[in-house]
N, C-alpha and C. Protein backbone atom coordinates (compact mmCIF):
# COMPACT_ATOMS: atom_id res chain seq x y z
N UNK A 1 -7.52 54.34 62.81
CA UNK A 1 -7.10 53.14 63.17
C UNK A 1 -7.89 52.33 62.26
N UNK A 2 -7.34 51.17 61.42
CA UNK A 2 -7.38 50.67 60.09
C UNK A 2 -8.53 49.43 60.79
N UNK A 3 -10.06 49.07 59.87
CA UNK A 3 -10.81 48.16 60.41
C UNK A 3 -10.76 46.59 60.25
N UNK A 4 -11.07 45.69 60.74
CA UNK A 4 -11.29 44.73 59.54
C UNK A 4 -10.77 44.08 59.00
N UNK A 5 -10.41 43.69 58.44
CA UNK A 5 -9.82 42.76 56.55
C UNK A 5 -10.98 41.45 56.44
N UNK A 6 -11.36 41.81 55.61
CA UNK A 6 -13.00 40.54 54.92
C UNK A 6 -14.06 41.23 55.41
N UNK A 7 -14.33 42.12 56.64
CA UNK A 7 -15.65 42.25 56.31
C UNK A 7 -16.98 43.34 56.06
N UNK A 8 -17.86 43.83 55.45
CA UNK A 8 -18.10 44.71 54.96
C UNK A 8 -17.84 46.32 55.91
N UNK A 9 -17.48 47.22 55.97
CA UNK A 9 -18.04 48.31 56.88
C UNK A 9 -19.19 49.19 55.97
N UNK A 10 -19.84 49.69 57.37
CA UNK A 10 -20.61 50.78 56.83
C UNK A 10 -19.92 51.91 56.41
N UNK A 11 -20.87 52.18 54.73
CA UNK A 11 -20.27 53.20 53.80
C UNK A 11 -20.12 53.97 53.67
N UNK A 12 -19.27 54.95 53.55
CA UNK A 12 -19.58 56.98 54.01
C UNK A 12 -19.95 57.36 53.15
N UNK A 13 -20.39 56.47 52.02
CA UNK A 13 -20.48 57.25 50.92
C UNK A 13 -22.47 56.63 49.68
N UNK A 14 -22.67 56.70 48.97
CA UNK A 14 -23.70 56.25 48.64
C UNK A 14 -23.02 56.41 46.47
N UNK A 15 -22.93 55.24 46.39
CA UNK A 15 -22.05 55.86 44.53
C UNK A 15 -23.21 55.35 43.81
N UNK A 16 -23.70 56.61 42.96
CA UNK A 16 -24.74 56.49 41.92
C UNK A 16 -24.91 55.69 41.21
N UNK A 17 -25.64 55.44 40.64
CA UNK A 17 -25.83 54.34 40.34
C UNK A 17 -24.84 54.59 38.43
N UNK A 18 -25.84 56.34 37.74
CA UNK A 18 -24.77 57.09 36.66
C UNK A 18 -22.65 56.47 37.12
N UNK A 19 -22.55 57.15 37.75
CA UNK A 19 -21.24 57.33 37.93
C UNK A 19 -19.96 56.39 37.78
N UNK A 20 -19.52 55.98 37.66
CA UNK A 20 -17.63 54.82 38.15
C UNK A 20 -17.36 54.86 39.90
N UNK A 21 -17.99 53.54 40.17
CA UNK A 21 -16.75 53.10 41.20
C UNK A 21 -15.85 52.82 41.09
N UNK A 22 -14.38 54.33 41.57
CA UNK A 22 -13.86 53.30 41.40
C UNK A 22 -13.24 52.27 42.76
N UNK A 23 -12.42 51.23 42.23
CA UNK A 23 -12.40 50.26 44.18
C UNK A 23 -10.73 49.69 44.34
N UNK A 24 -9.79 50.58 44.71
CA UNK A 24 -8.13 50.15 45.69
C UNK A 24 -8.58 49.65 46.17
N UNK A 25 -7.91 48.73 45.58
CA UNK A 25 -6.61 47.29 46.86
C UNK A 25 -5.00 47.24 47.19
N UNK A 26 -4.65 47.32 48.15
CA UNK A 26 -2.94 47.66 48.09
C UNK A 26 -2.42 46.11 48.17
N UNK A 27 -1.45 45.37 47.27
CA UNK A 27 -1.24 44.26 48.17
C UNK A 27 0.86 44.42 48.46
N UNK A 28 0.84 44.78 49.63
CA UNK A 28 1.54 44.40 50.24
C UNK A 28 2.63 43.32 49.60
N UNK A 29 3.94 42.87 50.32
CA UNK A 29 5.01 42.41 49.53
C UNK A 29 4.25 41.20 50.36
N UNK A 30 4.18 41.40 52.13
CA UNK A 30 3.76 39.87 52.54
C UNK A 30 2.43 39.56 52.65
N UNK A 31 1.84 40.47 51.47
CA UNK A 31 0.09 39.76 51.14
C UNK A 31 0.38 37.82 50.79
N UNK A 32 -0.58 37.16 51.67
CA UNK A 32 -0.52 36.33 50.34
C UNK A 32 -1.50 36.41 49.72
N UNK A 33 -1.64 37.53 49.20
CA UNK A 33 -3.05 37.15 47.97
C UNK A 33 -1.90 37.85 47.02
N UNK A 34 -1.21 38.45 46.85
CA UNK A 34 0.27 39.22 46.43
C UNK A 34 0.11 38.06 45.04
N UNK A 35 1.05 37.15 45.75
CA UNK A 35 1.50 36.30 44.78
C UNK A 35 0.94 35.70 43.80
N UNK A 36 -0.38 35.34 44.40
CA UNK A 36 -1.09 34.92 43.87
C UNK A 36 -2.05 35.56 42.73
N UNK A 37 -1.90 37.11 42.98
CA UNK A 37 -2.53 38.06 41.86
C UNK A 37 -1.22 38.20 40.66
N UNK A 38 -0.04 38.45 41.07
CA UNK A 38 0.61 38.39 40.59
C UNK A 38 0.89 36.80 39.52
N UNK A 39 0.20 36.19 39.95
CA UNK A 39 0.36 34.09 39.56
C UNK A 39 -0.68 35.19 37.96
N UNK A 40 -2.14 35.95 37.87
CA UNK A 40 -2.60 35.42 37.76
C UNK A 40 -2.77 36.43 36.13
N UNK A 41 -1.60 38.18 36.75
CA UNK A 41 -1.90 37.86 35.96
C UNK A 41 -0.98 37.95 34.83
N UNK A 42 -0.07 37.83 35.24
CA UNK A 42 0.81 36.77 33.98
C UNK A 42 0.28 35.78 33.45
N UNK A 43 -0.46 35.04 33.68
CA UNK A 43 -0.57 33.82 33.35
C UNK A 43 -2.26 34.43 32.37
N UNK A 44 -2.19 34.48 32.48
CA UNK A 44 -3.65 35.65 31.76
C UNK A 44 -2.67 36.41 30.69
N UNK A 45 -1.86 37.04 31.35
CA UNK A 45 -2.07 38.66 29.91
C UNK A 45 -2.66 39.36 30.06
N UNK A 46 -3.43 39.19 31.44
CA UNK A 46 -4.44 40.54 30.97
C UNK A 46 -4.00 41.36 32.88
N UNK A 47 -4.66 42.67 31.87
CA UNK A 47 -4.31 43.96 33.29
C UNK A 47 -4.35 43.13 34.27
N UNK A 48 -4.43 44.09 36.15
CA UNK A 48 -4.93 43.74 36.69
C UNK A 48 -5.91 43.85 37.13
N UNK A 49 -6.92 45.19 36.72
CA UNK A 49 -7.76 45.82 36.94
C UNK A 49 -9.28 44.62 36.05
N UNK A 50 -8.46 43.69 35.83
CA UNK A 50 -9.21 42.89 34.54
C UNK A 50 -8.91 41.64 35.99
N UNK A 51 -8.22 41.41 36.41
CA UNK A 51 -7.64 40.28 37.16
C UNK A 51 -8.78 40.36 37.99
N UNK A 52 -9.32 41.44 39.02
CA UNK A 52 -10.10 42.01 39.52
C UNK A 52 -11.46 42.19 39.57
N UNK A 53 -11.93 42.36 37.92
CA UNK A 53 -13.01 42.49 37.13
C UNK A 53 -14.15 40.37 37.34
N UNK A 54 -12.96 39.89 37.18
CA UNK A 54 -13.16 38.57 36.69
C UNK A 54 -12.90 38.12 38.27
N UNK A 55 -12.67 38.52 39.50
CA UNK A 55 -13.05 37.91 40.53
C UNK A 55 -14.06 38.13 41.29
N UNK A 56 -14.70 39.74 40.74
CA UNK A 56 -16.14 40.13 41.31
C UNK A 56 -16.55 38.82 41.06
N UNK A 57 -16.85 38.63 39.32
CA UNK A 57 -17.98 38.38 38.67
C UNK A 57 -18.02 36.57 39.42
N UNK A 58 -16.63 36.14 39.21
CA UNK A 58 -17.07 34.58 39.32
C UNK A 58 -17.81 34.61 41.45
N UNK A 59 -16.94 35.52 42.08
CA UNK A 59 -17.55 35.75 43.38
C UNK A 59 -18.86 35.83 43.49
N UNK A 60 -19.54 36.57 42.93
CA UNK A 60 -20.91 36.50 42.67
C UNK A 60 -21.30 35.47 41.95
N UNK A 61 -20.83 34.94 41.81
CA UNK A 61 -21.75 33.65 40.89
C UNK A 61 -22.17 32.62 41.83
N UNK A 62 -20.41 32.60 42.75
CA UNK A 62 -20.61 31.68 44.21
C UNK A 62 -21.77 31.85 44.74
N UNK A 63 -21.78 33.26 44.98
CA UNK A 63 -22.57 33.57 46.20
C UNK A 63 -24.00 33.37 45.53
N UNK A 64 -24.07 33.60 44.23
CA UNK A 64 -26.11 33.33 43.59
C UNK A 64 -26.80 31.94 43.84
N UNK A 65 -25.26 30.85 43.84
CA UNK A 65 -25.05 29.88 43.74
C UNK A 65 -26.27 29.03 44.89
N UNK A 66 -24.89 29.93 46.10
CA UNK A 66 -25.23 29.49 47.32
C UNK A 66 -26.76 29.79 47.79
N UNK A 67 -26.75 30.86 47.67
CA UNK A 67 -28.82 31.44 47.88
C UNK A 67 -29.66 30.32 47.82
N UNK A 68 -28.13 30.15 46.12
CA UNK A 68 -29.81 29.15 45.11
C UNK A 68 -29.61 27.91 46.62
N UNK A 69 -28.97 26.97 46.64
CA UNK A 69 -28.56 25.66 47.28
C UNK A 69 -29.25 26.44 48.90
N UNK A 70 -29.74 27.16 49.17
CA UNK A 70 -30.13 28.11 51.10
C UNK A 70 -31.36 27.72 51.05
N UNK A 71 -31.99 28.83 49.13
CA UNK A 71 -33.52 28.46 49.45
C UNK A 71 -33.30 27.30 48.91
N UNK A 72 -33.64 26.38 48.22
CA UNK A 72 -33.06 25.16 47.93
C UNK A 72 -34.40 24.45 49.27
N UNK A 73 -32.74 24.78 49.69
CA UNK A 73 -33.13 23.75 51.19
C UNK A 73 -33.67 23.95 52.52
N UNK A 74 -33.80 25.81 52.07
CA UNK A 74 -35.33 25.80 53.10
C UNK A 74 -36.74 25.43 52.78
N UNK A 75 -37.05 25.43 51.81
CA UNK A 75 -38.26 24.44 50.69
C UNK A 75 -38.15 23.05 51.36
N UNK A 76 -37.04 22.54 50.50
CA UNK A 76 -37.34 21.42 51.15
C UNK A 76 -37.47 20.62 52.56
N UNK A 77 -37.48 21.99 53.33
CA UNK A 77 -37.55 22.18 54.74
C UNK A 77 -39.38 22.32 55.16
N UNK A 78 -39.00 22.50 54.46
CA UNK A 78 -40.87 24.02 55.22
C UNK A 78 -41.77 23.03 53.86
N UNK A 79 -41.68 21.65 52.81
CA UNK A 79 -42.31 21.33 52.03
C UNK A 79 -41.97 20.23 53.77
N UNK A 80 -41.29 19.49 54.17
CA UNK A 80 -41.22 18.12 54.60
C UNK A 80 -41.92 19.13 56.20
N UNK A 81 -42.16 19.73 56.65
CA UNK A 81 -42.80 20.27 57.85
C UNK A 81 -44.42 20.06 58.38
N UNK A 82 -45.06 20.47 56.40
CA UNK A 82 -45.89 20.74 56.63
C UNK A 82 -46.63 19.87 55.99
N UNK A 83 -45.59 18.25 55.44
CA UNK A 83 -46.28 16.68 55.37
C UNK A 83 -46.22 16.23 56.39
N UNK A 84 -45.85 16.58 57.64
CA UNK A 84 -46.08 15.67 59.06
C UNK A 84 -46.87 16.32 58.81
N UNK A 85 -47.82 14.78 60.03
CA UNK A 85 -48.96 14.85 60.85
C UNK A 85 -49.14 15.45 61.76
N UNK A 86 -49.87 15.36 62.83
CA UNK A 86 -49.97 16.12 63.85
C UNK A 86 -50.94 14.56 64.68
N UNK A 87 -50.64 14.69 66.06
CA UNK A 87 -50.61 13.66 67.00
C UNK A 87 -52.36 14.07 66.42
N UNK A 88 -53.17 12.42 67.33
CA UNK A 88 -54.30 12.45 66.00
C UNK A 88 -55.46 12.80 68.58
N UNK A 89 -56.15 13.54 67.92
CA UNK A 89 -56.51 13.97 69.59
C UNK A 89 -57.63 12.13 70.37
N UNK A 90 -57.36 12.43 71.35
CA UNK A 90 -58.92 11.34 70.84
C UNK A 90 -58.87 9.87 72.08
């Protein structure tokens, strides 16, 4: 039975750093991503593999920006929590 699309499944293999990794993506005629993929291949004039490489790079950039925003937000929250005055006893 196939797993749920879009979530990371437990890996069955370890990818050695010195060996190539083959990523296989099957886009069926009814998949919503297929026309997008075909349009990019046609408009950019590159191979499908190159379209996927660029998509991976862009997704990675987006994730890095998200992590940076989250870290900055956490730093601001921590700084504001440190600056709060505690009520004085007495």
